[in-house]
Protein backbone atom coordinates (compact mmCIF):
# COMPACT_ATOMS: atom_id res chain seq x y z
CA MET A 1 24.74 27.93 14.47
CA ARG A 2 21.34 26.52 13.52
CA LYS A 3 19.54 24.98 16.48
CA GLY A 4 18.00 21.53 16.33
CA ILE A 5 14.29 21.41 17.07
CA GLU A 6 15.03 19.67 20.36
CA ASN A 7 16.87 22.79 21.52
CA LEU A 8 14.23 25.37 20.58
CA SER A 9 12.27 27.02 23.35
CA ARG A 10 8.47 27.07 23.36
CA ARG A 11 8.58 30.77 22.38
CA GLU A 12 10.87 29.96 19.45
CA LEU A 13 8.62 27.11 18.43
CA LEU A 14 5.59 29.42 18.41
CA LYS A 15 7.45 31.85 16.20
CA PHE A 16 8.71 29.10 13.90
CA PHE A 17 5.27 27.47 13.48
CA GLY A 18 3.20 30.66 13.89
CA ILE A 19 1.29 30.43 10.62
CA SER A 20 1.13 26.68 10.03
CA VAL A 21 -0.06 25.63 13.48
CA GLY A 22 -3.50 26.63 14.73
CA ALA A 23 -6.18 25.51 17.11
CA SER A 24 -8.39 22.58 16.31
CA LEU A 25 -11.57 23.58 14.49
CA ALA A 26 -13.67 21.53 16.87
CA GLY A 27 -13.44 20.49 20.48
CA GLU A 28 -12.53 17.02 21.61
CA ALA A 29 -15.27 14.44 21.29
CA ALA A 30 -16.74 12.89 24.41
CA TRP A 31 -14.62 9.79 24.99
CA PRO A 32 -15.29 7.21 26.20
CA ARG A 33 -18.91 6.77 25.19
CA LYS A 34 -21.62 5.55 27.55
CA LEU A 35 -22.76 1.97 27.12
CA GLN A 36 -26.16 0.63 28.13
CA ALA A 37 -26.12 -2.46 30.35
CA GLN A 38 -25.97 -5.77 28.51
CA SER A 39 -29.00 -7.92 27.86
CA ARG A 40 -29.59 -10.89 30.15
CA LYS A 41 -30.54 -12.91 27.07
CA VAL A 42 -27.09 -12.71 25.52
CA THR A 43 -24.22 -15.00 26.49
CA PRO A 44 -21.16 -14.47 24.25
CA ARG A 45 -19.30 -17.69 23.43
CA LYS A 46 -15.74 -16.34 23.67
CA ASN A 47 -14.47 -19.32 21.71
CA ALA A 48 -11.88 -17.48 19.60
CA ARG A 49 -8.96 -15.28 20.53
CA ASN A 50 -8.67 -13.75 17.04
CA VAL A 51 -10.82 -13.16 13.97
CA LEU A 52 -9.52 -13.01 10.40
CA PHE A 53 -12.10 -11.41 8.10
CA ILE A 54 -11.48 -11.84 4.36
CA GLN A 55 -13.51 -9.45 2.18
CA ASN A 56 -13.76 -11.02 -1.29
CA CYS A 57 -14.53 -7.80 -3.16
CA GLY A 58 -16.77 -7.85 -6.20
CA ALA A 59 -18.82 -10.85 -5.02
CA MET A 60 -17.56 -14.15 -6.36
CA SER A 61 -20.25 -16.07 -8.25
CA PRO A 62 -21.88 -18.63 -5.91
CA PRO A 63 -23.10 -21.01 -8.69
CA GLU A 64 -19.49 -21.68 -9.72
CA CYS A 65 -17.89 -21.46 -6.29
CA LEU A 66 -19.50 -21.93 -2.88
CA ASP A 67 -23.08 -22.76 -3.88
CA PHE A 68 -22.42 -24.81 -7.00
CA LYS A 69 -25.36 -25.33 -9.31
CA GLU A 70 -24.93 -26.97 -12.69
CA THR A 71 -27.10 -25.32 -15.35
CA LYS A 72 -27.05 -24.91 -19.10
CA TYR A 73 -24.57 -22.04 -18.60
CA THR A 74 -22.04 -24.01 -16.55
CA ALA A 75 -18.63 -24.52 -18.16
CA LYS A 76 -17.73 -28.16 -18.86
CA ASP A 77 -14.14 -27.99 -17.63
CA LEU A 78 -14.72 -27.20 -13.92
CA ASP A 79 -13.72 -30.67 -12.63
CA ILE A 80 -16.37 -30.89 -9.92
CA GLN A 81 -15.34 -32.67 -6.69
CA LYS A 82 -17.40 -33.73 -3.68
CA VAL A 83 -16.31 -32.25 -0.33
CA ASN A 84 -19.26 -33.70 1.58
CA SER A 85 -22.86 -34.64 0.88
CA ASP A 86 -23.95 -30.99 0.64
CA PHE A 87 -20.79 -29.31 -0.65
CA VAL A 88 -19.31 -29.79 -4.11
CA ILE A 89 -16.57 -27.63 -5.53
CA SER A 90 -14.60 -26.99 -8.72
CA LYS A 91 -10.99 -28.18 -8.65
CA THR A 92 -10.33 -26.04 -11.72
CA ILE A 93 -11.29 -22.89 -9.81
CA PHE A 94 -9.89 -24.06 -6.45
CA PRO A 95 -6.94 -26.39 -7.23
CA ASN A 96 -5.98 -26.68 -3.55
CA TYR A 97 -9.50 -27.05 -2.15
CA GLU A 98 -8.54 -30.19 -0.18
CA LYS A 99 -6.39 -28.05 2.15
CA TRP A 100 -9.32 -25.90 3.31
CA ALA A 101 -12.75 -27.04 2.09
CA PRO A 102 -13.14 -30.01 4.51
CA ARG A 103 -12.49 -27.61 7.44
CA ALA A 104 -15.11 -25.10 6.25
CA THR A 105 -18.76 -24.51 7.05
CA LEU A 106 -20.99 -22.62 4.61
CA VAL A 107 -23.94 -20.32 5.18
CA ARG A 108 -25.81 -20.45 1.87
CA SER A 109 -28.92 -18.54 2.88
CA MET A 110 -27.34 -15.08 3.27
CA TYR A 111 -29.42 -12.04 2.28
CA GLU A 112 -28.34 -8.52 1.24
CA ASN A 113 -30.73 -5.63 0.65
CA SER A 114 -28.26 -3.28 -1.10
CA LEU A 115 -27.16 -4.24 -4.60
CA VAL A 116 -24.66 -1.41 -5.17
CA HIS A 117 -21.02 -2.26 -4.42
CA PHE A 118 -20.22 0.82 -2.34
CA SER A 119 -23.22 0.61 -0.03
CA ALA A 120 -23.04 -3.19 0.22
CA GLN A 121 -19.33 -3.03 1.08
CA TYR A 122 -20.17 -0.33 3.61
CA HIS A 123 -22.69 -2.74 5.13
CA THR A 124 -19.89 -5.30 5.33
CA GLN A 125 -17.62 -2.86 7.22
CA ALA A 126 -20.19 -1.21 9.45
CA GLY A 127 -22.37 -4.25 10.09
CA ARG A 128 -25.44 -2.20 9.25
CA ALA A 129 -27.14 -0.59 6.27
CA LEU A 130 -25.84 2.75 5.03
CA ASN A 131 -27.65 5.70 6.60
CA ALA A 132 -26.38 9.02 5.22
CA ALA A 133 -27.99 11.01 8.05
CA ILE A 134 -25.60 9.55 10.65
CA LEU A 135 -22.77 8.42 8.37
CA ARG A 136 -19.95 10.21 10.21
CA GLU A 137 -20.75 8.82 13.64
CA ILE A 138 -21.02 5.15 12.68
CA PRO A 139 -17.81 3.18 13.37
CA ALA A 140 -16.48 0.17 11.54
CA PHE A 141 -17.42 -2.88 13.57
CA GLY A 142 -13.69 -3.57 13.79
CA SER A 143 -13.43 -0.34 15.75
CA VAL A 144 -16.13 -1.57 18.13
CA ILE A 145 -14.06 -4.72 18.63
CA ALA A 146 -10.93 -2.65 19.31
CA SER A 147 -12.85 -0.57 21.85
CA GLU A 148 -14.31 -3.62 23.58
CA LEU A 149 -10.99 -5.49 23.76
CA GLU A 150 -9.02 -2.48 25.00
CA SER A 151 -9.13 -3.75 28.59
CA GLU A 152 -7.46 -7.01 27.50
CA ARG A 153 -4.41 -5.34 26.00
CA ARG A 154 -1.06 -6.04 27.64
CA ASP A 155 1.86 -3.70 28.25
CA SER A 156 3.78 -5.56 25.54
CA ASP A 157 1.06 -4.98 22.90
CA THR A 158 2.21 -2.39 20.36
CA PHE A 159 0.16 -3.43 17.30
CA PRO A 160 -3.38 -1.98 17.21
CA THR A 161 -6.17 -4.44 18.00
CA PHE A 162 -7.73 -3.79 14.57
CA MET A 163 -5.48 -4.04 11.52
CA SER A 164 -6.43 -4.31 7.85
CA PHE A 165 -4.63 -5.05 4.60
CA ASP A 166 -5.43 -3.32 1.29
CA LEU A 167 -8.77 -1.95 2.44
CA TRP A 168 -7.58 1.37 0.97
CA ASN A 169 -8.13 -0.14 -2.49
CA ALA A 170 -11.74 -1.30 -2.01
CA ARG A 171 -14.75 0.46 -3.55
CA CYS A 172 -15.68 1.44 0.03
CA PRO A 173 -12.34 2.07 1.75
CA GLN A 174 -11.83 2.10 5.52
CA ILE A 175 -14.71 3.99 7.18
CA GLY A 176 -12.86 4.71 10.43
CA SER A 177 -13.85 4.83 14.08
CA GLY A 178 -16.85 7.18 13.77
CA MET A 179 -17.91 8.41 17.20
CA LEU A 180 -15.32 6.19 18.94
CA HIS A 181 -11.80 7.33 19.80
CA PRO A 182 -9.51 7.56 16.73
CA ARG A 183 -7.12 5.00 18.21
CA PHE A 184 -9.77 2.36 17.48
CA ALA A 185 -9.94 3.17 13.75
CA GLY A 186 -7.58 0.38 12.74
CA LEU A 187 -4.32 0.53 10.82
CA ASP A 188 -4.54 -0.28 7.11
CA ILE A 189 -1.42 -1.79 5.47
CA ASN A 190 -0.82 -1.20 1.75
CA THR A 191 0.85 -4.28 0.28
CA ALA A 192 1.91 -2.25 -2.77
CA SER A 193 4.12 0.10 -0.73
CA VAL A 194 4.77 -1.25 2.78
CA PHE A 195 7.80 -3.31 1.78
CA ASP A 196 9.49 -0.44 -0.06
CA SER A 197 8.75 1.90 2.83
CA PHE A 198 9.61 -0.30 5.79
CA GLY A 199 10.86 -3.68 4.62
CA GLY A 200 14.32 -2.85 3.30
CA GLY A 201 17.64 -2.75 5.09
CA ASP A 202 18.74 -4.25 8.38
CA GLU A 203 18.10 -1.25 10.62
CA SER A 204 15.22 -1.72 13.07
CA GLY A 205 12.93 1.09 14.12
CA ALA A 206 14.57 1.21 17.53
CA THR A 207 17.89 2.24 15.97
CA ASN A 208 16.54 4.45 13.18
CA SER A 209 17.77 7.94 14.05
CA VAL A 210 15.79 9.64 11.26
CA LEU A 211 12.54 8.10 12.49
CA ALA A 212 13.33 9.13 16.05
CA GLU A 213 14.13 12.70 14.99
CA ARG A 214 10.89 13.04 12.99
CA TRP A 215 8.89 11.72 15.93
CA GLN A 216 10.54 14.34 18.11
CA VAL A 217 9.62 17.06 15.61
CA LEU A 218 5.97 15.99 15.64
CA ASN A 219 5.82 16.00 19.43
CA ARG A 220 7.49 19.40 19.69
CA MET A 221 4.99 20.81 17.20
CA SER A 222 2.23 19.54 19.48
CA GLU A 223 3.63 21.57 22.36
CA VAL A 224 2.74 24.86 20.70
CA SER A 225 -0.83 24.08 19.73
CA PRO A 226 -3.51 25.65 21.95
CA ALA A 227 -5.52 22.42 21.61
CA GLY A 228 -2.63 20.22 22.71
CA GLY A 229 -2.17 18.83 19.20
CA ILE A 230 -1.05 20.14 15.85
CA GLY A 231 -4.44 21.45 14.82
CA GLY A 232 -7.40 20.50 12.65
CA LYS A 233 -7.75 16.91 11.53
CA ALA A 234 -4.19 16.14 12.62
CA ASN A 235 -5.45 16.02 16.22
CA ASP A 236 -7.55 13.02 15.22
CA TYR A 237 -4.52 11.43 13.59
CA LYS A 238 -2.41 11.68 16.73
CA ALA A 239 -3.49 8.22 17.85
CA HIS A 240 -2.46 6.80 14.46
CA TYR A 241 0.94 8.51 14.66
CA GLU A 242 1.49 7.03 18.11
CA TYR A 243 0.50 3.54 16.99
CA ALA A 244 2.65 3.76 13.86
CA TYR A 245 5.67 4.90 15.86
CA LYS A 246 5.24 2.11 18.43
CA ILE A 247 4.97 -0.47 15.67
CA LEU A 248 8.02 0.79 13.81
CA MET A 249 10.04 0.82 17.02
CA ASP A 250 9.02 -2.80 17.72
CA ALA A 251 11.37 -5.40 16.22
CA ARG A 252 8.38 -7.71 15.73
CA PHE A 253 7.10 -5.50 12.90
CA LYS A 254 10.32 -6.05 10.99
CA LYS A 255 9.75 -9.79 11.34
CA VAL A 256 6.20 -9.42 10.03
CA LEU A 257 7.64 -8.01 6.79
CA ALA A 258 10.33 -10.69 6.50
CA LEU A 259 8.95 -13.01 3.81
CA THR A 260 10.93 -15.66 1.97
CA ASP A 261 10.75 -16.28 -1.78
CA GLU A 262 9.46 -19.80 -1.06
CA GLU A 263 6.59 -18.41 1.04
CA LYS A 264 5.68 -15.92 -1.66
CA ARG A 265 5.67 -18.72 -4.23
CA ARG A 266 3.36 -20.90 -2.09
CA TYR A 267 0.95 -17.99 -1.65
CA GLY A 268 0.91 -17.26 -5.40
CA VAL A 269 2.54 -13.84 -5.19
CA PRO A 270 4.85 -14.11 -8.28
CA LYS A 271 1.89 -14.89 -10.56
CA ASP A 272 -0.32 -12.11 -9.17
CA ARG A 273 -0.58 -9.09 -11.50
CA GLY A 274 -2.66 -7.02 -9.11
CA THR A 275 -1.74 -3.72 -7.51
CA SER A 276 -2.85 -5.30 -4.24
CA LYS A 277 -1.64 -8.87 -3.98
CA ILE A 278 -3.86 -11.19 -1.96
CA GLY A 279 -0.93 -13.52 -1.24
CA LEU A 280 1.08 -10.73 0.37
CA ALA A 281 -1.94 -9.60 2.40
CA MET A 282 -2.53 -13.09 3.76
CA LEU A 283 1.16 -13.64 4.49
CA LEU A 284 1.26 -10.41 6.47
CA ALA A 285 -1.94 -11.35 8.32
CA ARG A 286 -0.40 -14.71 9.21
CA ASN A 287 2.75 -13.04 10.53
CA VAL A 288 0.79 -10.44 12.50
CA LEU A 289 -1.17 -13.21 14.22
CA ALA A 290 2.04 -15.14 14.93
CA ALA A 291 3.68 -12.02 16.40
CA ASP A 292 1.04 -11.93 19.19
CA ALA A 293 1.69 -8.20 19.57
CA GLY A 294 -1.86 -7.01 20.22
CA ALA A 295 -3.64 -7.34 16.86
CA ARG A 296 -6.66 -9.62 17.24
CA PHE A 297 -9.11 -8.52 14.53
CA LEU A 298 -7.54 -8.62 11.06
CA TRP A 299 -9.27 -7.59 7.84
CA VAL A 300 -7.90 -8.75 4.47
CA ALA A 301 -9.46 -7.05 1.45
CA ASN A 302 -9.14 -8.95 -1.84
CA THR A 303 -9.10 -5.85 -4.05
CA TYR A 304 -6.68 -6.65 -6.93
CA ASN A 305 -6.60 -3.49 -9.09
CA GLY A 306 -9.27 -1.59 -7.19
CA GLY A 307 -12.68 -0.70 -8.51
CA ASN A 308 -15.43 -3.00 -7.26
CA GLY A 309 -13.05 -5.94 -6.90
CA PRO A 310 -11.68 -8.79 -9.02
CA ALA A 311 -14.92 -10.85 -8.95
CA ASP A 312 -17.28 -8.21 -10.39
CA ASN A 313 -18.09 -10.52 -13.30
CA HIS A 314 -20.80 -8.78 -15.31
CA ASP A 315 -18.85 -9.71 -18.45
CA GLN A 316 -17.07 -12.87 -19.58
CA LEU A 317 -17.23 -14.85 -16.36
CA TYR A 318 -15.53 -17.74 -18.19
CA GLY A 319 -13.48 -15.48 -20.47
CA ARG A 320 -10.05 -16.66 -21.61
CA GLY A 321 -7.44 -15.36 -24.02
CA ALA A 322 -8.82 -12.49 -26.07
CA LEU A 323 -12.13 -12.74 -24.20
CA ALA A 324 -10.56 -12.46 -20.73
CA PRO A 325 -11.72 -9.42 -18.71
CA LYS A 326 -9.30 -6.51 -18.48
CA GLY A 327 -8.33 -3.98 -15.82
CA ALA A 328 -9.81 -4.50 -12.38
CA ILE A 329 -11.75 -7.69 -13.21
CA LEU A 330 -10.63 -11.30 -13.56
CA SER A 331 -12.42 -14.28 -15.07
CA ILE A 332 -13.32 -17.12 -12.75
CA TYR A 333 -10.35 -19.07 -14.12
CA GLU A 334 -7.99 -16.42 -12.71
CA SER A 335 -9.78 -15.01 -9.67
CA GLY A 336 -10.44 -18.45 -8.17
CA PRO A 337 -6.91 -19.93 -8.35
CA ARG A 338 -5.43 -16.57 -7.24
CA LEU A 339 -7.55 -16.61 -4.07
CA ASP A 340 -7.11 -20.36 -3.59
CA ALA A 341 -3.29 -20.25 -3.61
CA ALA A 342 -3.20 -17.68 -0.83
CA PHE A 343 -6.12 -19.00 1.20
CA SER A 344 -5.08 -22.66 1.15
CA SER A 345 -1.53 -21.80 2.22
CA LEU A 346 -2.83 -19.54 4.99
CA VAL A 347 -5.12 -22.22 6.40
CA GLN A 348 -2.37 -24.83 6.17
CA ASP A 349 0.13 -22.56 7.97
CA LEU A 350 -2.27 -21.49 10.73
CA SER A 351 -3.16 -25.13 11.37
CA THR A 352 0.48 -25.93 12.19
CA MET A 353 1.58 -22.74 13.97
CA PRO A 354 1.36 -22.64 17.79
CA GLY A 355 -1.38 -20.50 19.25
CA HIS A 356 -1.48 -18.30 22.33
CA GLU A 357 -2.62 -21.14 24.60
CA PRO A 358 -0.54 -24.33 25.04
CA GLY A 359 -1.69 -27.19 22.83
CA LYS A 360 -3.68 -24.96 20.45
CA THR A 361 -2.83 -23.86 16.93
CA LEU A 362 -3.46 -20.41 15.51
CA LEU A 363 -6.31 -21.90 13.47
CA ASP A 364 -7.89 -23.27 16.66
CA GLU A 365 -7.80 -19.77 18.12
CA THR A 366 -8.72 -17.81 14.98
CA MET A 367 -12.16 -17.66 13.42
CA ILE A 368 -11.86 -17.13 9.66
CA CYS A 369 -14.70 -15.50 7.71
CA LEU A 370 -14.64 -15.38 3.89
CA VAL A 371 -17.37 -12.86 3.08
CA HIS A 372 -18.94 -11.24 0.00
CA GLU A 373 -21.03 -8.08 -0.22
CA PHE A 374 -23.82 -9.94 -2.10
CA GLY A 375 -24.27 -12.76 -4.58
CA ARG A 376 -24.54 -13.13 -8.35
CA ASN A 377 -27.54 -13.95 -10.47
CA PRO A 378 -27.80 -17.64 -11.43
CA GLU A 379 -28.78 -16.56 -14.96
CA MET A 380 -26.09 -15.45 -17.39
CA ASN A 381 -26.64 -12.04 -18.97
CA ALA A 382 -26.11 -11.11 -22.63
CA ASN A 383 -22.41 -10.41 -21.96
CA ALA A 384 -21.72 -13.91 -20.60
CA GLY A 385 -21.55 -12.63 -17.03
CA ARG A 386 -23.69 -12.61 -13.90
CA ASP A 387 -25.30 -9.54 -12.36
CA HIS A 388 -25.88 -8.62 -8.69
CA TRP A 389 -28.13 -10.85 -6.61
CA GLY A 390 -29.24 -10.29 -3.02
CA PRO A 391 -31.95 -12.92 -2.32
CA CYS A 392 -29.40 -15.64 -1.47
CA PHE A 393 -25.65 -16.20 -1.56
CA ALA A 394 -22.94 -18.07 0.33
CA ASN A 395 -20.25 -17.10 2.84
CA LEU A 396 -17.64 -19.39 4.40
CA PHE A 397 -16.41 -19.85 7.99
CA MET A 398 -13.82 -22.01 9.76
CA GLY A 399 -11.52 -22.20 12.78
CA GLY A 400 -12.07 -20.57 16.16
CA GLY A 401 -14.75 -22.97 17.37
CA VAL A 402 -16.63 -23.29 14.05
CA LYS A 403 -17.83 -26.87 13.55
CA PRO A 404 -16.47 -28.00 10.16
CA GLY A 405 -18.34 -29.72 7.36
CA ARG A 406 -21.74 -28.06 7.78
CA VAL A 407 -23.93 -26.30 5.22
CA ILE A 408 -26.48 -23.91 6.71
CA GLY A 409 -29.42 -23.21 4.42
CA LYS A 410 -30.62 -24.71 1.15
CA THR A 411 -31.21 -22.87 -2.12
CA ASP A 412 -32.34 -23.60 -5.64
CA GLY A 413 -30.10 -20.85 -6.98
CA TYR A 414 -32.82 -18.22 -7.22
CA LYS A 415 -34.32 -18.39 -3.75
CA VAL A 416 -33.87 -19.93 -0.32
CA LEU A 417 -35.67 -23.21 0.30
CA ASP A 418 -34.55 -23.51 3.93
CA VAL A 419 -32.99 -20.67 5.96
CA GLY A 420 -31.07 -23.25 8.00
CA TRP A 421 -31.45 -21.70 11.44
CA ASN A 422 -34.05 -21.11 14.12
CA HIS A 423 -35.52 -17.92 12.60
CA LYS A 424 -37.87 -17.29 9.71
CA GLU A 425 -35.72 -14.42 8.45
CA GLN A 426 -32.53 -15.03 6.49
CA PRO A 427 -29.15 -14.30 8.08
CA MET A 428 -27.51 -11.02 7.04
CA MET A 429 -24.18 -9.29 7.47
CA ASP A 430 -25.55 -7.93 10.75
CA HIS A 431 -25.63 -11.49 12.09
CA ILE A 432 -22.11 -12.25 10.95
CA VAL A 433 -20.99 -9.24 12.99
CA SER A 434 -22.90 -10.50 16.04
CA THR A 435 -21.29 -13.91 15.54
CA ILE A 436 -17.85 -12.33 15.48
CA TYR A 437 -18.66 -10.32 18.61
CA SER A 438 -19.84 -13.48 20.35
CA SER A 439 -16.71 -15.42 19.36
CA LEU A 440 -14.53 -12.69 20.88
CA GLY A 441 -16.60 -12.52 24.07
CA ILE A 442 -18.47 -9.30 23.22
CA ASP A 443 -22.14 -8.78 24.07
CA TRP A 444 -23.78 -7.91 20.74
CA SER A 445 -26.91 -6.52 22.42
CA LYS A 446 -25.10 -3.47 23.84
CA LYS A 447 -25.97 0.10 22.91
CA ILE A 448 -24.04 3.37 22.93
CA VAL A 449 -26.54 5.89 24.25
CA ASP A 450 -24.65 9.22 24.08
CA THR A 451 -24.15 9.47 20.33
CA PRO A 452 -23.64 12.82 18.54
CA SER A 453 -27.01 12.46 16.80
CA GLY A 454 -28.83 11.44 19.96
CA ARG A 455 -29.90 8.14 18.41
CA ALA A 456 -28.71 5.08 20.31
CA TYR A 457 -26.09 3.05 18.43
CA GLU A 458 -26.96 -0.65 18.73
CA TYR A 459 -24.12 -3.11 18.30
CA GLN A 460 -26.60 -5.07 16.19
CA GLN A 461 -29.65 -3.36 14.73
CA THR A 462 -33.05 -5.04 14.64
CA ALA A 463 -34.94 -2.47 12.54
CA PRO A 464 -32.53 -0.83 10.08
CA LEU A 465 -33.23 1.90 7.57
CA GLY A 466 -34.15 0.46 4.18
CA GLY A 467 -33.93 -3.15 5.32
CA PRO A 468 -36.48 -5.82 6.17
CA ALA A 469 -39.10 -5.15 8.82
CA PHE A 470 -37.20 -7.07 11.49
CA ILE A 471 -33.72 -8.52 11.98
CA PRO A 472 -33.42 -11.09 14.77
CA LEU A 473 -31.00 -10.00 17.50
CA THR A 474 -28.79 -13.06 17.31
CA GLU A 475 -25.54 -14.65 16.33
CA ILE A 476 -25.43 -17.51 13.82
CA GLY A 477 -25.15 -20.12 16.54
CA GLU A 478 -25.56 -22.97 14.06
CA LEU A 479 -21.93 -22.45 13.02
CA PHE A 480 -20.81 -23.87 16.35
CA THR A 481 -23.34 -26.61 17.20
C-alpha cells in the first residue's frame, strides 16, 4: 500500500527527494540587522495606527487634476468647482470629489529627479533614488515599517504587517525586503486571480483538508534539507509560505474576500475594464483594515492593464471615441472617474467604520497618501498629451492626523513659487517616507550599520546618488500643523 507523506521516515524522504532537494546556495543572512541609536533631534508623531499608500501609476496630469491650471490647452467641459480658496477641481474628472476633496491636504511643490517610470516608481517604493550598486540590499520602505512594527504584533495577528494589492502589475513591481528578513517583504494580492483562487465556496482554510495536506508536504520536505529548508531561493520564501498558510487558515481572510454586488457597484468595479481593478483593490484594503488582523501598512497600486500605468498620457489626454487611448492607457475622462469611484467610496466607508480605539473611525486612525512618481508637463505635446515633468507636481494626503483643507506650496505650472515649508529645498518622496515613519511612531533618522555592502543604510538619505546636493532630514510636518 502506498504510504502517505506523513508516514514516511526521514530516510525514505531523503530517497524520495534525493535529486530535487539540495542545500541552499548561500548561507543565512545576518538577521536581525544592527541599528544605530536614534537621533535626539527626531520625535516621531505616532498619530496614525495605519497607513494606506495609493500609487497612482503613470503620473496623473496635475494641471487637470490636483494642481489645476487653466491654459489654452484646457478642455472646456471640465466643470471646475471650488473646494477651498487654493484648491479647485474638475467635477467631470472627479464626479464624487465632495466626498473626499474637503478632507484632503495637497503638497504641490513635490520634486522628482528621475523621469523614467521604472526608476521613479522604484524611488516611490524604496524611498530613495535607484542605485544599481546596492540594488539587492535595499528594502522597500514598507519592509522597514514591517520590521519596526514587529514588536507591536499580537498573538492574534496572522496578516503580515505590510500588504499590497496589484503591485505585481506595476512597471516596477514589488522590490522585496532587501537585506531585511524575508518575512518583512510584504504580501502582494492579485485582484485578477485572488477571488478565483480563494474566494469561492463555503469551506474555510481551517477545514480545507487539501490545503492542510499540502502544507504538511512542504514541511516534511524541509526536514530533509541540510540547510533546514527546501533549498535555494525557496528558503527565502519560507516566511511567505508560513504567512500565506496562517492567512488562509484564518476565517478573517475569507471575510476580506466577501464583497457584495452593491459594494462592487459603488466602487466602480463593473465598469472597470482593467486587468487590475482599482475598485477591488480598495475594497480589499478596506476589509483588511477592518479585520484588524495585523496588517497596518497597505499599498494599493493603480495599475490597470500594466505597463507604466493608466495615467501615462503622452497621447490624447482628452481623447474620446476613436481618439481614446488604447491598451494600458486611459484618457483623463476615463482614468479620473475610475479612480474617483473607488477612492470616494473608500474614504466614505473608512469615515464611518469603527477604528481600533473607542470613539475613532478607521479614517481617523489611517493616514492616506495618494502619490505619483512624477508630474506632467504643463505644455501639450504634438500628440495632444503631456510628457514627464519633475520640477513640481502634486500629491494628496488625508486622515491619520493630517489637517484637512491645506495646500502646501505654490506653483505657476512650470516651477515652484513657494516650497511651502521651512526648508529651501523642495519636498521629495524621501520626505513622504519620513512622514509615514513619523506617523507610525518610527524614528526616520535611524541607520542600519551592518549592511552587506558595508555602507550604512539610512532610513532617510540626505545625500543620495544622482539627486540634489542635500535633502533635509525631515518629515513634512506642515501636513499636521
